[in-house]
Amino acid sequence: MKGKKRRFRKVWFVCCDNSVMSEYKCVNAFSTQEHALQQEALRNRQEMDNATKMWNQGKERRVHKAQGFYLVHESLFDEILKAWAKKQ
């Protein structure tokens, strides 16, 4: 595999309560930080609006935050990073 070019790609996720995966087990990835920050603001505003509803009174408000991650192809992960990965 010598000489093969590898690329890391940075993507942005809007994490809810510091968790990448939502309760629905799906995520949205954004290619630009600006778009992720727009979605973060939108989701935090929606959360604030939901907090004022009567059925949400007393519930803790969730916090959304845009965070950047580097994506690694599975073959590169197996080849280089698997030894340092946390077991599931």
N, C-alpha and C. Protein backbone atom coordinates (compact mmCIF):
# COMPACT_ATOMS: atom_id res chain seq x y z
N MET A 1 0.81 -1.20 0.00
CA MET A 1 0.00 0.00 0.00
C MET A 1 0.85 1.26 0.00
N LYS A 2 2.14 1.09 -0.18
CA LYS A 2 3.04 2.25 -0.18
C LYS A 2 2.75 3.13 -1.38
N GLY A 3 2.74 4.43 -1.13
CA GLY A 3 2.52 5.38 -2.20
C GLY A 3 1.06 5.72 -2.43
N LYS A 4 0.15 5.05 -1.76
CA LYS A 4 -1.28 5.33 -1.94
C LYS A 4 -1.64 6.58 -1.14
N LYS A 5 -2.30 7.51 -1.81
CA LYS A 5 -2.68 8.76 -1.15
C LYS A 5 -3.90 8.55 -0.27
N ARG A 6 -3.84 9.10 0.94
CA ARG A 6 -4.96 9.03 1.87
C ARG A 6 -5.41 10.44 2.18
N ARG A 7 -6.71 10.61 2.32
CA ARG A 7 -7.25 11.92 2.66
C ARG A 7 -8.17 11.81 3.85
N PHE A 8 -8.03 12.77 4.73
CA PHE A 8 -8.97 12.91 5.84
C PHE A 8 -9.91 14.05 5.48
N ARG A 9 -11.17 13.86 5.69
CA ARG A 9 -12.16 14.89 5.38
C ARG A 9 -12.80 15.38 6.67
N LYS A 10 -12.85 16.68 6.83
CA LYS A 10 -13.47 17.24 8.02
C LYS A 10 -14.95 17.51 7.71
N VAL A 11 -15.80 17.02 8.57
CA VAL A 11 -17.24 17.27 8.45
C VAL A 11 -17.73 17.81 9.79
N TRP A 12 -18.87 18.41 9.75
CA TRP A 12 -19.45 19.04 10.93
C TRP A 12 -20.77 18.36 11.25
N PHE A 13 -20.97 18.07 12.52
CA PHE A 13 -22.22 17.51 13.01
C PHE A 13 -22.79 18.45 14.06
N VAL A 14 -24.10 18.53 14.12
CA VAL A 14 -24.75 19.26 15.21
C VAL A 14 -25.06 18.22 16.28
N CYS A 15 -24.29 18.26 17.36
CA CYS A 15 -24.41 17.27 18.43
C CYS A 15 -25.42 17.74 19.47
N CYS A 16 -26.24 16.83 19.93
CA CYS A 16 -27.23 17.12 20.96
C CYS A 16 -26.73 16.56 22.28
N ASP A 17 -26.52 17.43 23.26
CA ASP A 17 -25.99 17.03 24.58
C ASP A 17 -24.69 16.24 24.44
N ASN A 18 -23.78 16.74 23.60
CA ASN A 18 -22.46 16.14 23.35
C ASN A 18 -22.53 14.72 22.82
N SER A 19 -23.59 14.36 22.11
CA SER A 19 -23.73 13.05 21.51
C SER A 19 -23.93 13.23 20.00
N VAL A 20 -23.12 12.55 19.21
CA VAL A 20 -23.23 12.68 17.76
C VAL A 20 -24.52 12.04 17.28
N MET A 21 -24.83 10.85 17.79
CA MET A 21 -26.04 10.14 17.36
C MET A 21 -27.25 10.63 18.15
N SER A 22 -28.34 10.86 17.45
CA SER A 22 -29.57 11.27 18.12
C SER A 22 -30.31 10.04 18.63
N GLU A 23 -31.41 10.28 19.32
CA GLU A 23 -32.20 9.15 19.81
C GLU A 23 -32.81 8.36 18.65
N TYR A 24 -32.84 8.94 17.45
CA TYR A 24 -33.38 8.26 16.28
C TYR A 24 -32.30 7.53 15.49
N LYS A 25 -31.05 7.56 15.99
CA LYS A 25 -29.91 6.88 15.38
C LYS A 25 -29.62 7.37 13.96
N CYS A 26 -29.80 8.66 13.75
CA CYS A 26 -29.42 9.24 12.47
C CYS A 26 -28.77 10.60 12.72
N VAL A 27 -27.93 11.03 11.79
CA VAL A 27 -27.23 12.30 11.93
C VAL A 27 -27.24 13.02 10.59
N ASN A 28 -27.02 14.31 10.64
CA ASN A 28 -26.82 15.10 9.44
C ASN A 28 -25.39 15.62 9.48
N ALA A 29 -24.66 15.42 8.39
CA ALA A 29 -23.29 15.90 8.29
C ALA A 29 -23.29 17.13 7.37
N PHE A 30 -22.47 18.11 7.73
CA PHE A 30 -22.38 19.34 6.96
C PHE A 30 -20.95 19.52 6.49
N SER A 31 -20.77 19.99 5.27
CA SER A 31 -19.42 20.15 4.73
C SER A 31 -18.78 21.47 5.13
N THR A 32 -19.58 22.44 5.57
CA THR A 32 -19.02 23.72 6.00
C THR A 32 -19.44 24.03 7.43
N GLN A 33 -18.55 24.69 8.13
CA GLN A 33 -18.82 25.06 9.51
C GLN A 33 -19.95 26.09 9.58
N GLU A 34 -20.02 26.99 8.62
CA GLU A 34 -21.05 28.02 8.62
C GLU A 34 -22.44 27.41 8.58
N HIS A 35 -22.63 26.42 7.72
CA HIS A 35 -23.94 25.78 7.62
C HIS A 35 -24.27 25.03 8.91
N ALA A 36 -23.29 24.37 9.50
CA ALA A 36 -23.50 23.66 10.76
C ALA A 36 -23.87 24.65 11.88
N LEU A 37 -23.24 25.81 11.89
CA LEU A 37 -23.56 26.81 12.92
C LEU A 37 -24.97 27.37 12.74
N GLN A 38 -25.40 27.52 11.49
CA GLN A 38 -26.78 27.95 11.22
C GLN A 38 -27.77 26.93 11.77
N GLN A 39 -27.48 25.64 11.51
CA GLN A 39 -28.37 24.58 12.00
C GLN A 39 -28.34 24.51 13.53
N GLU A 40 -27.18 24.74 14.13
CA GLU A 40 -27.08 24.76 15.59
C GLU A 40 -27.98 25.84 16.17
N ALA A 41 -27.91 27.04 15.59
CA ALA A 41 -28.74 28.15 16.07
C ALA A 41 -30.23 27.84 15.90
N LEU A 42 -30.59 27.26 14.76
CA LEU A 42 -31.98 26.90 14.50
C LEU A 42 -32.49 25.88 15.51
N ARG A 43 -31.71 24.85 15.76
CA ARG A 43 -32.13 23.79 16.69
C ARG A 43 -32.20 24.29 18.13
N ASN A 44 -31.27 25.17 18.52
CA ASN A 44 -31.33 25.73 19.87
C ASN A 44 -32.54 26.65 20.03
N ARG A 45 -32.88 27.39 18.96
CA ARG A 45 -34.08 28.24 19.00
C ARG A 45 -35.34 27.38 19.11
N GLN A 46 -35.40 26.28 18.35
CA GLN A 46 -36.54 25.37 18.43
C GLN A 46 -36.65 24.75 19.82
N GLU A 47 -35.51 24.41 20.40
CA GLU A 47 -35.49 23.83 21.74
C GLU A 47 -36.00 24.85 22.77
N MET A 48 -35.62 26.11 22.58
CA MET A 48 -36.07 27.17 23.48
C MET A 48 -37.59 27.35 23.35
N ASP A 49 -38.10 27.30 22.12
CA ASP A 49 -39.55 27.42 21.90
C ASP A 49 -40.29 26.24 22.52
N ASN A 50 -39.73 25.04 22.39
CA ASN A 50 -40.37 23.85 22.97
C ASN A 50 -40.36 23.89 24.49
N ALA A 51 -39.36 24.54 25.07
CA ALA A 51 -39.26 24.60 26.53
C ALA A 51 -40.40 25.41 27.14
N THR A 52 -41.00 26.30 26.35
CA THR A 52 -42.09 27.11 26.87
C THR A 52 -43.44 26.39 26.82
N LYS A 53 -43.51 25.27 26.14
CA LYS A 53 -44.76 24.51 26.06
C LYS A 53 -45.10 23.91 27.42
N MET A 54 -46.37 23.81 27.72
CA MET A 54 -46.83 23.34 29.01
C MET A 54 -46.34 21.93 29.32
N TRP A 55 -46.35 21.03 28.33
CA TRP A 55 -45.96 19.65 28.57
C TRP A 55 -44.45 19.49 28.72
N ASN A 56 -43.69 20.53 28.42
CA ASN A 56 -42.24 20.47 28.59
C ASN A 56 -41.75 21.23 29.83
N GLN A 57 -42.68 21.76 30.60
CA GLN A 57 -42.29 22.50 31.81
C GLN A 57 -41.59 21.55 32.78
N GLY A 58 -40.47 21.99 33.33
CA GLY A 58 -39.74 21.17 34.29
C GLY A 58 -38.75 20.20 33.66
N LYS A 59 -38.81 20.01 32.35
CA LYS A 59 -37.84 19.13 31.67
C LYS A 59 -36.57 19.92 31.38
N GLU A 60 -35.45 19.22 31.42
CA GLU A 60 -34.18 19.86 31.12
C GLU A 60 -34.09 20.14 29.63
N ARG A 61 -33.60 21.32 29.29
CA ARG A 61 -33.49 21.71 27.89
C ARG A 61 -32.22 21.11 27.29
N ARG A 62 -32.35 20.51 26.11
CA ARG A 62 -31.19 19.93 25.42
C ARG A 62 -30.39 21.04 24.76
N VAL A 63 -29.08 20.84 24.69
CA VAL A 63 -28.18 21.83 24.09
C VAL A 63 -27.59 21.25 22.81
N HIS A 64 -27.68 22.02 21.73
CA HIS A 64 -27.12 21.61 20.45
C HIS A 64 -25.85 22.41 20.19
N LYS A 65 -24.82 21.73 19.69
CA LYS A 65 -23.54 22.40 19.42
C LYS A 65 -22.91 21.79 18.17
N ALA A 66 -22.44 22.65 17.27
CA ALA A 66 -21.76 22.20 16.06
C ALA A 66 -20.33 21.81 16.42
N GLN A 67 -19.93 20.60 16.03
CA GLN A 67 -18.59 20.11 16.32
C GLN A 67 -18.01 19.47 15.07
N GLY A 68 -16.72 19.68 14.85
CA GLY A 68 -16.04 19.15 13.67
C GLY A 68 -15.38 17.81 13.97
N PHE A 69 -15.44 16.92 13.00
CA PHE A 69 -14.83 15.60 13.10
C PHE A 69 -14.14 15.28 11.78
N TYR A 70 -13.09 14.47 11.85
CA TYR A 70 -12.43 13.99 10.65
C TYR A 70 -12.94 12.60 10.34
N LEU A 71 -13.36 12.40 9.10
CA LEU A 71 -13.81 11.08 8.66
C LEU A 71 -12.63 10.28 8.15
N VAL A 72 -12.59 9.03 8.50
CA VAL A 72 -11.53 8.13 8.07
C VAL A 72 -12.19 6.95 7.36
N HIS A 73 -11.69 6.60 6.19
CA HIS A 73 -12.24 5.46 5.47
C HIS A 73 -12.01 4.18 6.28
N GLU A 74 -12.92 3.25 6.17
CA GLU A 74 -12.87 2.02 6.96
C GLU A 74 -11.58 1.23 6.72
N SER A 75 -11.12 1.18 5.49
CA SER A 75 -9.88 0.44 5.20
C SER A 75 -8.68 1.09 5.88
N LEU A 76 -8.64 2.41 5.91
CA LEU A 76 -7.55 3.10 6.59
C LEU A 76 -7.64 2.90 8.10
N PHE A 77 -8.85 2.89 8.61
CA PHE A 77 -9.04 2.65 10.04
C PHE A 77 -8.51 1.27 10.42
N ASP A 78 -8.88 0.25 9.64
CA ASP A 78 -8.42 -1.12 9.92
C ASP A 78 -6.91 -1.21 9.84
N GLU A 79 -6.33 -0.48 8.91
CA GLU A 79 -4.90 -0.56 8.67
C GLU A 79 -4.07 0.17 9.74
N ILE A 80 -4.55 1.31 10.20
CA ILE A 80 -3.72 2.16 11.06
C ILE A 80 -4.30 2.39 12.45
N LEU A 81 -5.56 2.70 12.54
CA LEU A 81 -6.13 3.23 13.78
C LEU A 81 -6.81 2.21 14.69
N LYS A 82 -7.05 1.02 14.21
CA LYS A 82 -7.83 0.04 14.96
C LYS A 82 -7.20 -0.29 16.31
N ALA A 83 -5.90 -0.29 16.39
CA ALA A 83 -5.20 -0.64 17.65
C ALA A 83 -5.50 0.36 18.77
N TRP A 84 -5.81 1.60 18.40
CA TRP A 84 -6.07 2.64 19.41
C TRP A 84 -7.55 2.91 19.62
N ALA A 85 -8.41 2.21 18.91
CA ALA A 85 -9.84 2.46 19.02
C ALA A 85 -10.42 1.86 20.29
N LYS A 86 -11.42 2.51 20.81
CA LYS A 86 -12.14 2.03 21.98
C LYS A 86 -13.07 0.90 21.56
N LYS A 87 -13.07 -0.18 22.30
CA LYS A 87 -13.95 -1.32 21.99
C LYS A 87 -15.39 -0.93 22.26
N GLN A 88 -16.30 -1.40 21.40
CA GLN A 88 -17.72 -1.06 21.56
C GLN A 88 -18.40 -1.94 22.55
